[in-house]
Amino acid sequence: MQELDEALAGAGDGKIVIVFSALTWCRPCKGMQRPAHKLAERYKDSTVWMKLFGNANEQTKTLFKDRLKIRSTPSFIIFKDGEVAYTQTGTNKEKLEAGIREVLGADHPKLPQELVYPATA
């Protein structure tokens, strides 16, 4: 909890905080690790990423269930200015990137032009 609070408090310069919530045994969560790492690398100048395993210990279990209200995994929660600005469950990496870009805003000075995962028709 303290790490999350510190990240939220310290995410200045227009940065957003993205919490990737997973369970260690969750196959879809494991499948989203590589796409999440690619997105973290592309948007490193404007994001702070945290990975939370809800079954790691009692403290993370409490944070997972009670504070963040996570009911399914993988889940992504994007905070802007300390408030939840976007949530997503599931493995749709195109939708996640679109959510990141939406929260950052089209006029964000560090928004990359190219998408990692362009939407398919």
PDB file of N, CA and C in Angstrom:
ATOM      1  N   MET A   1       0.822  -1.182   0.000  1.00  0.00           N
ATOM      2  CA  MET A   1       0.000   0.000   0.000  1.00  0.00           C
ATOM      3  C   MET A   1       0.869   1.249   0.000  1.00  0.00           C
ATOM      4  N   GLN A   2       1.934   1.202   0.771  1.00  0.00           N
ATOM      5  CA  GLN A   2       2.816   2.354   0.876  1.00  0.00           C
ATOM      6  C   GLN A   2       3.470   2.657  -0.469  1.00  0.00           C
ATOM      7  N   GLU A   3       3.893   1.619  -1.200  1.00  0.00           N
ATOM      8  CA  GLU A   3       4.519   1.832  -2.506  1.00  0.00           C
ATOM      9  C   GLU A   3       3.548   2.489  -3.478  1.00  0.00           C
ATOM     10  N   LEU A   4       2.300   2.048  -3.470  1.00  0.00           N
ATOM     11  CA  LEU A   4       1.294   2.636  -4.350  1.00  0.00           C
ATOM     12  C   LEU A   4       1.063   4.100  -3.970  1.00  0.00           C
ATOM     13  N   ASP A   5       0.907   4.362  -2.688  1.00  0.00           N
ATOM     14  CA  ASP A   5       0.688   5.738  -2.244  1.00  0.00           C
ATOM     15  C   ASP A   5       1.865   6.641  -2.620  1.00  0.00           C
ATOM     16  N   GLU A   6       3.086   6.125  -2.486  1.00  0.00           N
ATOM     17  CA  GLU A   6       4.267   6.906  -2.854  1.00  0.00           C
ATOM     18  C   GLU A   6       4.317   7.164  -4.355  1.00  0.00           C
ATOM     19  N   ALA A   7       3.965   6.156  -5.150  1.00  0.00           N
ATOM     20  CA  ALA A   7       3.954   6.332  -6.607  1.00  0.00           C
ATOM     21  C   ALA A   7       2.910   7.364  -7.009  1.00  0.00           C
ATOM     22  N   LEU A   8       1.736   7.296  -6.397  1.00  0.00           N
ATOM     23  CA  LEU A   8       0.677   8.259  -6.720  1.00  0.00           C
ATOM     24  C   LEU A   8       1.082   9.676  -6.318  1.00  0.00           C
ATOM     25  N   ALA A   9       1.727   9.805  -5.183  1.00  0.00           N
ATOM     26  CA  ALA A   9       2.139  11.124  -4.711  1.00  0.00           C
ATOM     27  C   ALA A   9       3.305  11.680  -5.522  1.00  0.00           C
ATOM     28  N   GLY A  10       4.174  10.803  -6.002  1.00  0.00           N
ATOM     29  CA  GLY A  10       5.374  11.259  -6.683  1.00  0.00           C
ATOM     30  C   GLY A  10       5.315  11.285  -8.192  1.00  0.00           C
ATOM     31  N   ALA A  11       4.169  11.012  -8.767  1.00  0.00           N
ATOM     32  CA  ALA A  11       4.047  10.950 -10.230  1.00  0.00           C
ATOM     33  C   ALA A  11       3.798  12.337 -10.802  1.00  0.00           C
ATOM     34  N   GLY A  12       4.785  13.188 -10.707  1.00  0.00           N
ATOM     35  CA  GLY A  12       4.647  14.553 -11.213  1.00  0.00           C
ATOM     36  C   GLY A  12       4.895  14.640 -12.704  1.00  0.00           C
ATOM     37  N   ASP A  13       5.055  15.840 -13.198  1.00  0.00           N
ATOM     38  CA  ASP A  13       5.343  16.110 -14.612  1.00  0.00           C
ATOM     39  C   ASP A  13       4.300  15.530 -15.554  1.00  0.00           C
ATOM     40  N   GLY A  14       3.054  15.504 -15.138  1.00  0.00           N
ATOM     41  CA  GLY A  14       1.993  15.003 -16.008  1.00  0.00           C
ATOM     42  C   GLY A  14       1.996  13.501 -16.188  1.00  0.00           C
ATOM     43  N   LYS A  15       2.745  12.777 -15.340  1.00  0.00           N
ATOM     44  CA  LYS A  15       2.803  11.322 -15.451  1.00  0.00           C
ATOM     45  C   LYS A  15       1.554  10.680 -14.862  1.00  0.00           C
ATOM     46  N   ILE A  16       1.210   9.537 -15.425  1.00  0.00           N
ATOM     47  CA  ILE A  16       0.118   8.736 -14.902  1.00  0.00           C
ATOM     48  C   ILE A  16       0.706   7.467 -14.292  1.00  0.00           C
ATOM     49  N   VAL A  17      -0.021   6.870 -13.356  1.00  0.00           N
ATOM     50  CA  VAL A  17       0.404   5.633 -12.712  1.00  0.00           C
ATOM     51  C   VAL A  17      -0.506   4.517 -13.208  1.00  0.00           C
ATOM     52  N   ILE A  18       0.110   3.439 -13.692  1.00  0.00           N
ATOM     53  CA  ILE A  18      -0.645   2.296 -14.200  1.00  0.00           C
ATOM     54  C   ILE A  18      -0.351   1.103 -13.302  1.00  0.00           C
ATOM     55  N   VAL A  19      -1.389   0.528 -12.723  1.00  0.00           N
ATOM     56  CA  VAL A  19      -1.250  -0.647 -11.883  1.00  0.00           C
ATOM     57  C   VAL A  19      -1.746  -1.854 -12.673  1.00  0.00           C
ATOM     58  N   PHE A  20      -0.833  -2.786 -12.918  1.00  0.00           N
ATOM     59  CA  PHE A  20      -1.124  -4.049 -13.593  1.00  0.00           C
ATOM     60  C   PHE A  20      -1.387  -5.060 -12.477  1.00  0.00           C
ATOM     61  N   SER A  21      -2.642  -5.455 -12.314  1.00  0.00           N
ATOM     62  CA  SER A  21      -3.034  -6.351 -11.239  1.00  0.00           C
ATOM     63  C   SER A  21      -3.191  -7.759 -11.784  1.00  0.00           C
ATOM     64  N   ALA A  22      -2.526  -8.707 -11.118  1.00  0.00           N
ATOM     65  CA  ALA A  22      -2.502 -10.074 -11.616  1.00  0.00           C
ATOM     66  C   ALA A  22      -2.459 -11.053 -10.442  1.00  0.00           C
ATOM     67  N   LEU A  23      -2.570 -12.320 -10.791  1.00  0.00           N
ATOM     68  CA  LEU A  23      -2.373 -13.414  -9.851  1.00  0.00           C
ATOM     69  C   LEU A  23      -1.250 -14.284 -10.403  1.00  0.00           C
ATOM     70  N   THR A  24      -0.435 -14.834  -9.544  1.00  0.00           N
ATOM     71  CA  THR A  24       0.732 -15.577 -10.007  1.00  0.00           C
ATOM     72  C   THR A  24       0.368 -16.796 -10.852  1.00  0.00           C
ATOM     73  N   TRP A  25      -0.776 -17.394 -10.623  1.00  0.00           N
ATOM     74  CA  TRP A  25      -1.174 -18.599 -11.349  1.00  0.00           C
ATOM     75  C   TRP A  25      -2.046 -18.315 -12.576  1.00  0.00           C
ATOM     76  N   CYS A  26      -2.381 -17.067 -12.830  1.00  0.00           N
ATOM     77  CA  CYS A  26      -3.328 -16.675 -13.891  1.00  0.00           C
ATOM     78  C   CYS A  26      -2.647 -16.698 -15.266  1.00  0.00           C
ATOM     79  N   ARG A  27      -3.103 -17.596 -16.132  1.00  0.00           N
ATOM     80  CA  ARG A  27      -2.511 -17.716 -17.463  1.00  0.00           C
ATOM     81  C   ARG A  27      -2.703 -16.455 -18.309  1.00  0.00           C
ATOM     82  N   PRO A  28      -3.903 -15.833 -18.364  1.00  0.00           N
ATOM     83  CA  PRO A  28      -4.042 -14.585 -19.123  1.00  0.00           C
ATOM     84  C   PRO A  28      -3.144 -13.459 -18.568  1.00  0.00           C
ATOM     85  N   CYS A  29      -2.937 -13.448 -17.244  1.00  0.00           N
ATOM     86  CA  CYS A  29      -2.043 -12.445 -16.645  1.00  0.00           C
ATOM     87  C   CYS A  29      -0.625 -12.628 -17.159  1.00  0.00           C
ATOM     88  N   LYS A  30      -0.187 -13.871 -17.216  1.00  0.00           N
ATOM     89  CA  LYS A  30       1.151 -14.164 -17.738  1.00  0.00           C
ATOM     90  C   LYS A  30       1.251 -13.741 -19.196  1.00  0.00           C
ATOM     91  N   GLY A  31       0.172 -13.943 -19.954  1.00  0.00           N
ATOM     92  CA  GLY A  31       0.155 -13.565 -21.367  1.00  0.00           C
ATOM     93  C   GLY A  31       0.213 -12.065 -21.589  1.00  0.00           C
ATOM     94  N   MET A  32      -0.214 -11.286 -20.612  1.00  0.00           N
ATOM     95  CA  MET A  32      -0.195  -9.825 -20.754  1.00  0.00           C
ATOM     96  C   MET A  32       1.111  -9.200 -20.276  1.00  0.00           C
ATOM     97  N   GLN A  33       2.019  -9.985 -19.727  1.00  0.00           N
ATOM     98  CA  GLN A  33       3.264  -9.409 -19.219  1.00  0.00           C
ATOM     99  C   GLN A  33       4.109  -8.796 -20.328  1.00  0.00           C
ATOM    100  N   ARG A  34       4.288  -9.491 -21.433  1.00  0.00           N
ATOM    101  CA  ARG A  34       5.105  -8.950 -22.532  1.00  0.00           C
ATOM    102  C   ARG A  34       4.459  -7.700 -23.137  1.00  0.00           C
ATOM    103  N   PRO A  35       3.153  -7.713 -23.470  1.00  0.00           N
ATOM    104  CA  PRO A  35       2.542  -6.480 -23.979  1.00  0.00           C
ATOM    105  C   PRO A  35       2.637  -5.316 -22.984  1.00  0.00           C
ATOM    106  N   ALA A  36       2.471  -5.596 -21.699  1.00  0.00           N
ATOM    107  CA  ALA A  36       2.573  -4.529 -20.698  1.00  0.00           C
ATOM    108  C   ALA A  36       3.994  -3.964 -20.665  1.00  0.00           C
ATOM    109  N   HIS A  37       4.995  -4.829 -20.784  1.00  0.00           N
ATOM    110  CA  HIS A  37       6.386  -4.354 -20.799  1.00  0.00           C
ATOM    111  C   HIS A  37       6.653  -3.498 -22.037  1.00  0.00           C
ATOM    112  N   LYS A  38       6.099  -3.892 -23.176  1.00  0.00           N
ATOM    113  CA  LYS A  38       6.274  -3.092 -24.396  1.00  0.00           C
ATOM    114  C   LYS A  38       5.632  -1.720 -24.243  1.00  0.00           C
ATOM    115  N   LEU A  39       4.436  -1.688 -23.668  1.00  0.00           N
ATOM    116  CA  LEU A  39       3.756  -0.410 -23.456  1.00  0.00           C
ATOM    117  C   LEU A  39       4.514   0.446 -22.433  1.00  0.00           C
ATOM    118  N   ALA A  40       5.034  -0.191 -21.395  1.00  0.00           N
ATOM    119  CA  ALA A  40       5.802   0.545 -20.386  1.00  0.00           C
ATOM    120  C   ALA A  40       7.045   1.169 -21.015  1.00  0.00           C
ATOM    121  N   GLU A  41       7.681   0.453 -21.903  1.00  0.00           N
ATOM    122  CA  GLU A  41       8.877   0.977 -22.569  1.00  0.00           C
ATOM    123  C   GLU A  41       8.516   2.137 -23.496  1.00  0.00           C
ATOM    124  N   ARG A  42       7.460   1.988 -24.274  1.00  0.00           N
ATOM    125  CA  ARG A  42       7.060   3.038 -25.223  1.00  0.00           C
ATOM    126  C   ARG A  42       6.635   4.317 -24.500  1.00  0.00           C
ATOM    127  N   TYR A  43       5.924   4.168 -23.395  1.00  0.00           N
ATOM    128  CA  TYR A  43       5.369   5.318 -22.693  1.00  0.00           C
ATOM    129  C   TYR A  43       6.148   5.645 -21.407  1.00  0.00           C
ATOM    130  N   LYS A  44       7.428   5.267 -21.354  1.00  0.00           N
ATOM    131  CA  LYS A  44       8.225   5.430 -20.131  1.00  0.00           C
ATOM    132  C   LYS A  44       8.385   6.882 -19.699  1.00  0.00           C
ATOM    133  N   ASP A  45       8.302   7.815 -20.628  1.00  0.00           N
ATOM    134  CA  ASP A  45       8.465   9.224 -20.274  1.00  0.00           C
ATOM    135  C   ASP A  45       7.211   9.836 -19.647  1.00  0.00           C
ATOM    136  N   SER A  46       6.098   9.133 -19.734  1.00  0.00           N
ATOM    137  CA  SER A  46       4.851   9.717 -19.242  1.00  0.00           C
ATOM    138  C   SER A  46       4.069   8.794 -18.306  1.00  0.00           C
ATOM    139  N   THR A  47       4.663   7.648 -17.953  1.00  0.00           N
ATOM    140  CA  THR A  47       3.949   6.702 -17.089  1.00  0.00           C
ATOM    141  C   THR A  47       4.863   6.146 -15.998  1.00  0.00           C
ATOM    142  N   VAL A  48       4.241   5.695 -14.929  1.00  0.00           N
ATOM    143  CA  VAL A  48       4.886   4.924 -13.879  1.00  0.00           C
ATOM    144  C   VAL A  48       4.085   3.632 -13.788  1.00  0.00           C
ATOM    145  N   TRP A  49       4.740   2.493 -13.963  1.00  0.00           N
ATOM    146  CA  TRP A  49       4.062   1.195 -13.943  1.00  0.00           C
ATOM    147  C   TRP A  49       4.350   0.466 -12.646  1.00  0.00           C
ATOM    148  N   MET A  50       3.322  -0.199 -12.142  1.00  0.00           N
ATOM    149  CA  MET A  50       3.471  -1.060 -10.975  1.00  0.00           C
ATOM    150  C   MET A  50       2.763  -2.374 -11.269  1.00  0.00           C
ATOM    151  N   LYS A  51       3.372  -3.465 -10.862  1.00  0.00           N
ATOM    152  CA  LYS A  51       2.725  -4.771 -10.996  1.00  0.00           C
ATOM    153  C   LYS A  51       2.357  -5.239  -9.598  1.00  0.00           C
ATOM    154  N   LEU A  52       1.119  -5.658  -9.443  1.00  0.00           N
ATOM    155  CA  LEU A  52       0.612  -6.091  -8.154  1.00  0.00           C
ATOM    156  C   LEU A  52       0.104  -7.521  -8.281  1.00  0.00           C
ATOM    157  N   PHE A  53       0.708  -8.422  -7.527  1.00  0.00           N
ATOM    158  CA  PHE A  53       0.211  -9.796  -7.469  1.00  0.00           C
ATOM    159  C   PHE A  53      -0.688  -9.905  -6.247  1.00  0.00           C
ATOM    160  N   GLY A  54      -1.969 -10.084  -6.477  1.00  0.00           N
ATOM    161  CA  GLY A  54      -2.958 -10.096  -5.407  1.00  0.00           C
ATOM    162  C   GLY A  54      -2.839 -11.260  -4.455  1.00  0.00           C
ATOM    163  N   ASN A  55      -2.109 -12.295  -4.839  1.00  0.00           N
ATOM    164  CA  ASN A  55      -1.955 -13.443  -3.953  1.00  0.00           C
ATOM    165  C   ASN A  55      -0.537 -13.554  -3.392  1.00  0.00           C
ATOM    166  N   ALA A  56       0.217 -12.464  -3.408  1.00  0.00           N
ATOM    167  CA  ALA A  56       1.602 -12.495  -2.923  1.00  0.00           C
ATOM    168  C   ALA A  56       1.674 -12.602  -1.397  1.00  0.00           C
ATOM    169  N   ASN A  57       0.844 -11.841  -0.697  1.00  0.00           N
ATOM    170  CA  ASN A  57       0.821 -11.882   0.772  1.00  0.00           C
ATOM    171  C   ASN A  57      -0.473 -11.233   1.259  1.00  0.00           C
ATOM    172  N   GLU A  58      -0.663 -11.200   2.560  1.00  0.00           N
ATOM    173  CA  GLU A  58      -1.912 -10.661   3.120  1.00  0.00           C
ATOM    174  C   GLU A  58      -2.095  -9.178   2.800  1.00  0.00           C
ATOM    175  N   GLN A  59      -1.003  -8.424   2.795  1.00  0.00           N
ATOM    176  CA  GLN A  59      -1.099  -6.994   2.512  1.00  0.00           C
ATOM    177  C   GLN A  59      -1.549  -6.751   1.071  1.00  0.00           C
ATOM    178  N   THR A  60      -0.967  -7.484   0.119  1.00  0.00           N
ATOM    179  CA  THR A  60      -1.380  -7.296  -1.273  1.00  0.00           C
ATOM    180  C   THR A  60      -2.793  -7.814  -1.492  1.00  0.00           C
ATOM    181  N   LYS A  61      -3.165  -8.854  -0.774  1.00  0.00           N
ATOM    182  CA  LYS A  61      -4.536  -9.374  -0.878  1.00  0.00           C
ATOM    183  C   LYS A  61      -5.541  -8.312  -0.434  1.00  0.00           C
ATOM    184  N   THR A  62      -5.233  -7.616   0.663  1.00  0.00           N
ATOM    185  CA  THR A  62      -6.106  -6.550   1.162  1.00  0.00           C
ATOM    186  C   THR A  62      -6.161  -5.396   0.168  1.00  0.00           C
ATOM    187  N   LEU A  63      -5.008  -4.983  -0.347  1.00  0.00           N
ATOM    188  CA  LEU A  63      -4.955  -3.899  -1.337  1.00  0.00           C
ATOM    189  C   LEU A  63      -5.757  -4.281  -2.578  1.00  0.00           C
ATOM    190  N   PHE A  64      -5.573  -5.486  -3.036  1.00  0.00           N
ATOM    191  CA  PHE A  64      -6.223  -6.024  -4.227  1.00  0.00           C
ATOM    192  C   PHE A  64      -7.749  -6.012  -4.091  1.00  0.00           C
ATOM    193  N   LYS A  65      -8.237  -6.606  -3.011  1.00  0.00           N
ATOM    194  CA  LYS A  65      -9.681  -6.800  -2.838  1.00  0.00           C
ATOM    195  C   LYS A  65     -10.403  -5.589  -2.250  1.00  0.00           C
ATOM    196  N   ASP A  66      -9.824  -5.007  -1.206  1.00  0.00           N
ATOM    197  CA  ASP A  66     -10.540  -3.972  -0.466  1.00  0.00           C
ATOM    198  C   ASP A  66     -10.336  -2.566  -1.007  1.00  0.00           C
ATOM    199  N   ARG A  67      -9.105  -2.211  -1.275  1.00  0.00           N
ATOM    200  CA  ARG A  67      -8.850  -0.832  -1.718  1.00  0.00           C
ATOM    201  C   ARG A  67      -9.090  -0.646  -3.214  1.00  0.00           C
ATOM    202  N   LEU A  68      -8.519  -1.548  -4.024  1.00  0.00           N
ATOM    203  CA  LEU A  68      -8.644  -1.391  -5.482  1.00  0.00           C
ATOM    204  C   LEU A  68      -9.891  -2.071  -6.050  1.00  0.00           C
ATOM    205  N   LYS A  69     -10.537  -2.912  -5.256  1.00  0.00           N
ATOM    206  CA  LYS A  69     -11.787  -3.583  -5.645  1.00  0.00           C
ATOM    207  C   LYS A  69     -11.618  -4.441  -6.916  1.00  0.00           C
ATOM    208  N   ILE A  70     -10.507  -5.133  -7.028  1.00  0.00           N
ATOM    209  CA  ILE A  70     -10.242  -5.963  -8.199  1.00  0.00           C
ATOM    210  C   ILE A  70     -10.983  -7.280  -8.038  1.00  0.00           C
ATOM    211  N   ARG A  71     -11.779  -7.602  -9.041  1.00  0.00           N
ATOM    212  CA  ARG A  71     -12.590  -8.819  -9.007  1.00  0.00           C
ATOM    213  C   ARG A  71     -12.203  -9.817 -10.089  1.00  0.00           C
ATOM    214  N   SER A  72     -11.460  -9.374 -11.106  1.00  0.00           N
ATOM    215  CA  SER A  72     -11.006 -10.293 -12.147  1.00  0.00           C
ATOM    216  C   SER A  72      -9.637  -9.834 -12.642  1.00  0.00           C
ATOM    217  N   THR A  73      -8.902 -10.797 -13.205  1.00  0.00           N
ATOM    218  CA  THR A  73      -7.546 -10.498 -13.658  1.00  0.00           C
ATOM    219  C   THR A  73      -7.357 -10.994 -15.086  1.00  0.00           C
ATOM    220  N   PRO A  74      -6.428 -10.405 -15.809  1.00  0.00           N
ATOM    221  CA  PRO A  74      -5.640  -9.243 -15.427  1.00  0.00           C
ATOM    222  C   PRO A  74      -6.497  -7.977 -15.415  1.00  0.00           C
ATOM    223  N   SER A  75      -6.115  -7.062 -14.565  1.00  0.00           N
ATOM    224  CA  SER A  75      -6.779  -5.761 -14.474  1.00  0.00           C
ATOM    225  C   SER A  75      -5.740  -4.664 -14.575  1.00  0.00           C
ATOM    226  N   PHE A  76      -6.135  -3.571 -15.180  1.00  0.00           N
ATOM    227  CA  PHE A  76      -5.269  -2.402 -15.294  1.00  0.00           C
ATOM    228  C   PHE A  76      -6.039  -1.212 -14.755  1.00  0.00           C
ATOM    229  N   ILE A  77      -5.419  -0.502 -13.842  1.00  0.00           N
ATOM    230  CA  ILE A  77      -6.025   0.705 -13.275  1.00  0.00           C
ATOM    231  C   ILE A  77      -5.064   1.844 -13.552  1.00  0.00           C
ATOM    232  N   ILE A  78      -5.570   2.888 -14.202  1.00  0.00           N
ATOM    233  CA  ILE A  78      -4.741   4.046 -14.519  1.00  0.00           C
ATOM    234  C   ILE A  78      -5.182   5.209 -13.632  1.00  0.00           C
ATOM    235  N   PHE A  79      -4.208   5.747 -12.909  1.00  0.00           N
ATOM    236  CA  PHE A  79      -4.447   6.886 -12.028  1.00  0.00           C
ATOM    237  C   PHE A  79      -3.863   8.136 -12.657  1.00  0.00           C
ATOM    238  N   LYS A  80      -4.623   9.202 -12.598  1.00  0.00           N
ATOM    239  CA  LYS A  80      -4.142  10.520 -13.035  1.00  0.00           C
ATOM    240  C   LYS A  80      -4.429  11.483 -11.898  1.00  0.00           C
ATOM    241  N   ASP A  81      -3.409  12.201 -11.470  1.00  0.00           N
ATOM    242  CA  ASP A  81      -3.539  13.129 -10.349  1.00  0.00           C
ATOM    243  C   ASP A  81      -4.094  12.440  -9.106  1.00  0.00           C
ATOM    244  N   GLY A  82      -3.692  11.180  -8.886  1.00  0.00           N
ATOM    245  CA  GLY A  82      -4.097  10.434  -7.703  1.00  0.00           C
ATOM    246  C   GLY A  82      -5.477   9.816  -7.751  1.00  0.00           C
ATOM    247  N   GLU A  83      -6.207  10.030  -8.830  1.00  0.00           N
ATOM    248  CA  GLU A  83      -7.571   9.514  -8.964  1.00  0.00           C
ATOM    249  C   GLU A  83      -7.646   8.477 -10.079  1.00  0.00           C
ATOM    250  N   VAL A  84      -8.543   7.512  -9.940  1.00  0.00           N
ATOM    251  CA  VAL A  84      -8.735   6.517 -10.992  1.00  0.00           C
ATOM    252  C   VAL A  84      -9.316   7.206 -12.225  1.00  0.00           C
ATOM    253  N   ALA A  85      -8.613   7.077 -13.349  1.00  0.00           N
ATOM    254  CA  ALA A  85      -9.051   7.718 -14.586  1.00  0.00           C
ATOM    255  C   ALA A  85      -9.501   6.689 -15.625  1.00  0.00           C
ATOM    256  N   TYR A  86      -9.076   5.432 -15.459  1.00  0.00           N
ATOM    257  CA  TYR A  86      -9.401   4.398 -16.451  1.00  0.00           C
ATOM    258  C   TYR A  86      -9.182   3.032 -15.812  1.00  0.00           C
ATOM    259  N   THR A  87     -10.079   2.106 -16.092  1.00  0.00           N
ATOM    260  CA  THR A  87      -9.899   0.721 -15.656  1.00  0.00           C
ATOM    261  C   THR A  87     -10.213  -0.213 -16.808  1.00  0.00           C
ATOM    262  N   GLN A  88      -9.544  -1.343 -16.790  1.00  0.00           N
ATOM    263  CA  GLN A  88      -9.773  -2.357 -17.823  1.00  0.00           C
ATOM    264  C   GLN A  88      -9.433  -3.727 -17.256  1.00  0.00           C
ATOM    265  N   THR A  89     -10.253  -4.698 -17.589  1.00  0.00           N
ATOM    266  CA  THR A  89      -9.919  -6.076 -17.281  1.00  0.00           C
ATOM    267  C   THR A  89      -9.776  -6.823 -18.598  1.00  0.00           C
ATOM    268  N   GLY A  90      -8.985  -7.876 -18.569  1.00  0.00           N
ATOM    269  CA  GLY A  90      -8.821  -8.685 -19.761  1.00  0.00           C
ATOM    270  C   GLY A  90      -7.519  -8.435 -20.481  1.00  0.00           C
ATOM    271  N   THR A  91      -7.408  -9.026 -21.674  1.00  0.00           N
ATOM    272  CA  THR A  91      -6.138  -9.068 -22.389  1.00  0.00           C
ATOM    273  C   THR A  91      -6.124  -8.269 -23.690  1.00  0.00           C
ATOM    274  N   ASN A  92      -6.991  -7.298 -23.826  1.00  0.00           N
ATOM    275  CA  ASN A  92      -7.037  -6.507 -25.054  1.00  0.00           C
ATOM    276  C   ASN A  92      -5.978  -5.408 -24.998  1.00  0.00           C
ATOM    277  N   LYS A  93      -4.813  -5.702 -25.580  1.00  0.00           N
ATOM    278  CA  LYS A  93      -3.688  -4.764 -25.514  1.00  0.00           C
ATOM    279  C   LYS A  93      -3.929  -3.506 -26.335  1.00  0.00           C
ATOM    280  N   GLU A  94      -4.676  -3.602 -27.428  1.00  0.00           N
ATOM    281  CA  GLU A  94      -5.008  -2.415 -28.230  1.00  0.00           C
ATOM    282  C   GLU A  94      -5.887  -1.455 -27.431  1.00  0.00           C
ATOM    283  N   LYS A  95      -6.853  -2.017 -26.725  1.00  0.00           N
ATOM    284  CA  LYS A  95      -7.743  -1.206 -25.898  1.00  0.00           C
ATOM    285  C   LYS A  95      -6.969  -0.561 -24.742  1.00  0.00           C
ATOM    286  N   LEU A  96      -6.025  -1.298 -24.166  1.00  0.00           N
ATOM    287  CA  LEU A  96      -5.213  -0.751 -23.085  1.00  0.00           C
ATOM    288  C   LEU A  96      -4.385   0.429 -23.575  1.00  0.00           C
ATOM    289  N   GLU A  97      -3.762   0.281 -24.725  1.00  0.00           N
ATOM    290  CA  GLU A  97      -2.971   1.394 -25.254  1.00  0.00           C
ATOM    291  C   GLU A  97      -3.861   2.598 -25.557  1.00  0.00           C
ATOM    292  N   ALA A  98      -5.044   2.343 -26.105  1.00  0.00           N
ATOM    293  CA  ALA A  98      -5.973   3.441 -26.373  1.00  0.00           C
ATOM    294  C   ALA A  98      -6.370   4.140 -25.065  1.00  0.00           C
ATOM    295  N   GLY A  99      -6.552   3.361 -23.999  1.00  0.00           N
ATOM    296  CA  GLY A  99      -6.885   3.940 -22.699  1.00  0.00           C
ATOM    297  C   GLY A  99      -5.755   4.796 -22.150  1.00  0.00           C
ATOM    298  N   ILE A 100      -4.526   4.319 -22.303  1.00  0.00           N
ATOM    299  CA  ILE A 100      -3.366   5.094 -21.854  1.00  0.00           C
ATOM    300  C   ILE A 100      -3.317   6.430 -22.584  1.00  0.00           C
ATOM    301  N   ARG A 101      -3.479   6.369 -23.902  1.00  0.00           N
ATOM    302  CA  ARG A 101      -3.408   7.586 -24.715  1.00  0.00           C
ATOM    303  C   ARG A 101      -4.558   8.538 -24.381  1.00  0.00           C
ATOM    304  N   GLU A 102      -5.721   7.976 -24.110  1.00  0.00           N
ATOM    305  CA  GLU A 102      -6.881   8.811 -23.754  1.00  0.00           C
ATOM    306  C   GLU A 102      -6.637   9.552 -22.441  1.00  0.00           C
ATOM    307  N   VAL A 103      -6.112   8.836 -21.438  1.00  0.00           N
ATOM    308  CA  VAL A 103      -5.862   9.465 -20.141  1.00  0.00           C
ATOM    309  C   VAL A 103      -4.751  10.504 -20.248  1.00  0.00           C
ATOM    310  N   LEU A 104      -3.713  10.209 -21.020  1.00  0.00           N
ATOM    311  CA  LEU A 104      -2.634  11.182 -21.193  1.00  0.00           C
ATOM    312  C   LEU A 104      -3.125  12.418 -21.930  1.00  0.00           C
ATOM    313  N   GLY A 105      -4.005  12.233 -22.884  1.00  0.00           N
ATOM    314  CA  GLY A 105      -4.531  13.350 -23.662  1.00  0.00           C
ATOM    315  C   GLY A 105      -3.718  13.577 -24.921  1.00  0.00           C
ATOM    316  N   ALA A 106      -4.372  13.925 -25.991  1.00  0.00           N
ATOM    317  CA  ALA A 106      -3.725  14.105 -27.295  1.00  0.00           C
ATOM    318  C   ALA A 106      -2.688  15.220 -27.285  1.00  0.00           C
ATOM    319  N   ASP A 107      -2.819  16.165 -26.363  1.00  0.00           N
ATOM    320  CA  ASP A 107      -1.889  17.288 -26.321  1.00  0.00           C
ATOM    321  C   ASP A 107      -0.724  17.070 -25.348  1.00  0.00           C
ATOM    322  N   HIS A 108      -0.599  15.852 -24.802  1.00  0.00           N
ATOM    323  CA  HIS A 108       0.494  15.556 -23.868  1.00  0.00           C
ATOM    324  C   HIS A 108       1.826  15.694 -24.603  1.00  0.00           C
ATOM    325  N   PRO A 109       2.775  16.453 -24.045  1.00  0.00           N
ATOM    326  CA  PRO A 109       4.034  16.733 -24.759  1.00  0.00           C
ATOM    327  C   PRO A 109       4.917  15.507 -24.994  1.00  0.00           C
ATOM    328  N   LYS A 110       4.742  14.452 -24.220  1.00  0.00           N
ATOM    329  CA  LYS A 110       5.592  13.266 -24.378  1.00  0.00           C
ATOM    330  C   LYS A 110       4.836  12.077 -24.965  1.00  0.00           C
ATOM    331  N   LEU A 111       3.730  12.333 -25.620  1.00  0.00           N
ATOM    332  CA  LEU A 111       2.931  11.263 -26.215  1.00  0.00           C
ATOM    333  C   LEU A 111       3.568  10.806 -27.530  1.00  0.00           C
ATOM    334  N   PRO A 112       3.997   9.534 -27.615  1.00  0.00           N
ATOM    335  CA  PRO A 112       4.584   9.044 -28.863  1.00  0.00           C
ATOM    336  C   PRO A 112       3.563   9.070 -30.004  1.00  0.00           C
ATOM    337  N   GLN A 113       4.038   9.326 -31.202  1.00  0.00           N
ATOM    338  CA  GLN A 113       3.145   9.370 -32.362  1.00  0.00           C
ATOM    339  C   GLN A 113       2.681   7.975 -32.776  1.00  0.00           C
ATOM    340  N   GLU A 114       3.600   7.020 -32.761  1.00  0.00           N
ATOM    341  CA  GLU A 114       3.281   5.678 -33.233  1.00  0.00           C
ATOM    342  C   GLU A 114       2.690   4.833 -32.110  1.00  0.00           C
ATOM    343  N   LEU A 115       1.766   3.959 -32.486  1.00  0.00           N
ATOM    344  CA  LEU A 115       1.165   3.024 -31.538  1.00  0.00           C
ATOM    345  C   LEU A 115       2.006   1.748 -31.507  1.00  0.00           C
ATOM    346  N   VAL A 116       2.085   1.138 -30.350  1.00  0.00           N
ATOM    347  CA  VAL A 116       2.706  -0.174 -30.228  1.00  0.00           C
ATOM    348  C   VAL A 116       1.746  -1.205 -30.800  1.00  0.00           C
ATOM    349  N   TYR A 117       0.467  -1.051 -30.492  1.00  0.00           N
ATOM    350  CA  TYR A 117      -0.571  -1.989 -30.905  1.00  0.00           C
ATOM    351  C   TYR A 117      -1.686  -1.236 -31.633  1.00  0.00           C
ATOM    352  N   PRO A 118      -1.515  -0.971 -32.924  1.00  0.00           N
ATOM    353  CA  PRO A 118      -2.573  -0.282 -33.660  1.00  0.00           C
ATOM    354  C   PRO A 118      -3.856  -1.136 -33.671  1.00  0.00           C
ATOM    355  N   ALA A 119      -4.961  -0.482 -33.581  1.00  0.00           N
ATOM    356  CA  ALA A 119      -6.259  -1.171 -33.628  1.00  0.00           C
ATOM    357  C   ALA A 119      -6.426  -1.825 -34.994  1.00  0.00           C
ATOM    358  N   THR A 120      -6.936  -3.038 -34.971  1.00  0.00           N
ATOM    359  CA  THR A 120      -7.193  -3.745 -36.227  1.00  0.00           C
ATOM    360  C   THR A 120      -8.656  -3.606 -36.593  1.00  0.00           C
ATOM    361  N   ALA A 121      -8.911  -3.577 -37.876  1.00  0.00           N
ATOM    362  CA  ALA A 121     -10.284  -3.377 -38.354  1.00  0.00           C
ATOM    363  C   ALA A 121     -11.114  -4.609 -38.216  1.00  0.00           C
TER     364      ALA A 121
END
